Protein backbone atom coordinates (compact mmCIF):
# COMPACT_ATOMS: atom_id res chain seq x y z
CA MET A 1 -23.33 9.13 -8.73
CA SER A 2 -20.11 7.17 -9.05
CA ARG A 3 -17.75 6.59 -6.18
CA LYS A 4 -14.07 7.49 -6.67
CA GLU A 5 -11.93 4.40 -6.34
CA ASN A 6 -8.37 4.35 -4.99
CA VAL A 7 -6.00 2.61 -7.40
CA ILE A 8 -2.25 2.11 -7.20
CA ALA A 9 -0.54 1.10 -10.47
CA LYS A 10 3.01 0.93 -9.09
CA CYS A 11 4.76 1.07 -5.74
CA PRO A 12 5.60 4.63 -4.66
CA LEU A 13 8.83 3.41 -3.00
CA CYS A 14 10.44 0.88 -5.37
CA LYS A 15 8.36 1.65 -8.53
CA SER A 16 7.51 -2.05 -8.96
CA LYS A 17 4.33 -3.00 -10.79
CA LEU A 18 3.89 -6.14 -8.64
CA ILE A 19 1.11 -4.57 -6.57
CA GLY A 20 -1.65 -6.71 -5.15
CA ARG A 21 -4.98 -5.42 -3.94
CA LEU A 22 -5.94 -6.73 -0.49
CA SER A 23 -9.18 -4.75 -0.08
CA THR A 24 -10.76 -1.52 -1.28
CA ARG A 25 -8.20 0.57 0.67
CA ASN A 26 -5.25 -1.80 1.11
CA TYR A 27 -2.50 -2.76 -1.35
CA TYR A 28 0.68 -4.84 -1.03
CA CYS A 29 3.99 -4.57 -2.92
CA GLN A 30 5.58 -7.98 -3.44
CA ASP A 31 9.03 -6.55 -4.21
CA CYS A 32 9.63 -4.41 -1.13
CA SER A 33 7.16 -6.05 1.32
CA ILE A 34 5.14 -2.96 2.15
CA GLU A 35 1.43 -2.49 2.69
CA LEU A 36 -0.18 0.70 1.44
CA ILE A 37 -3.41 1.85 3.09
CA PHE A 38 -5.54 4.77 1.88
CA ASN A 39 -6.51 6.78 4.96
CA LYS A 40 -8.21 10.21 4.91
CA GLY A 41 -6.63 11.37 1.64
CA LEU A 42 -3.14 10.10 2.51
CA ILE A 43 -1.42 6.76 1.99
CA ASP A 44 -0.04 5.08 5.12
CA VAL A 45 3.01 2.95 4.32
CA PHE A 46 3.77 -0.07 6.54
CA TYR A 47 6.78 -2.40 6.30
CA ILE A 48 5.89 -6.05 6.90
CA TYR A 49 8.61 -8.15 8.52
CA SER A 50 9.05 -11.87 7.77
CA ASP A 51 7.74 -12.74 11.27
CA GLY A 52 4.47 -10.89 10.56
CA ASN A 53 5.17 -7.73 12.56
CA VAL A 54 4.44 -4.39 10.89
CA ARG A 55 5.98 -0.94 11.30
CA LEU A 56 4.65 2.38 10.04
CA VAL A 57 7.24 3.78 7.64
CA GLY A 58 5.48 7.02 6.82
CA LYS A 59 2.65 8.81 5.07
CA LEU A 60 2.48 9.90 1.44
């Protein structure tokens, strides 16, 4: 039985294709500095500030 894998081809906010995969559930958009995390069927969107702090922007 195959496991369904979460894949993001482009950023849902800025539509950039500069998406990096951090782990099996985490992605990062280089253009708008957000981290996308798959969580219970939704995608949590976090903004990453230049000082390293993060803020939850919303859920998709």
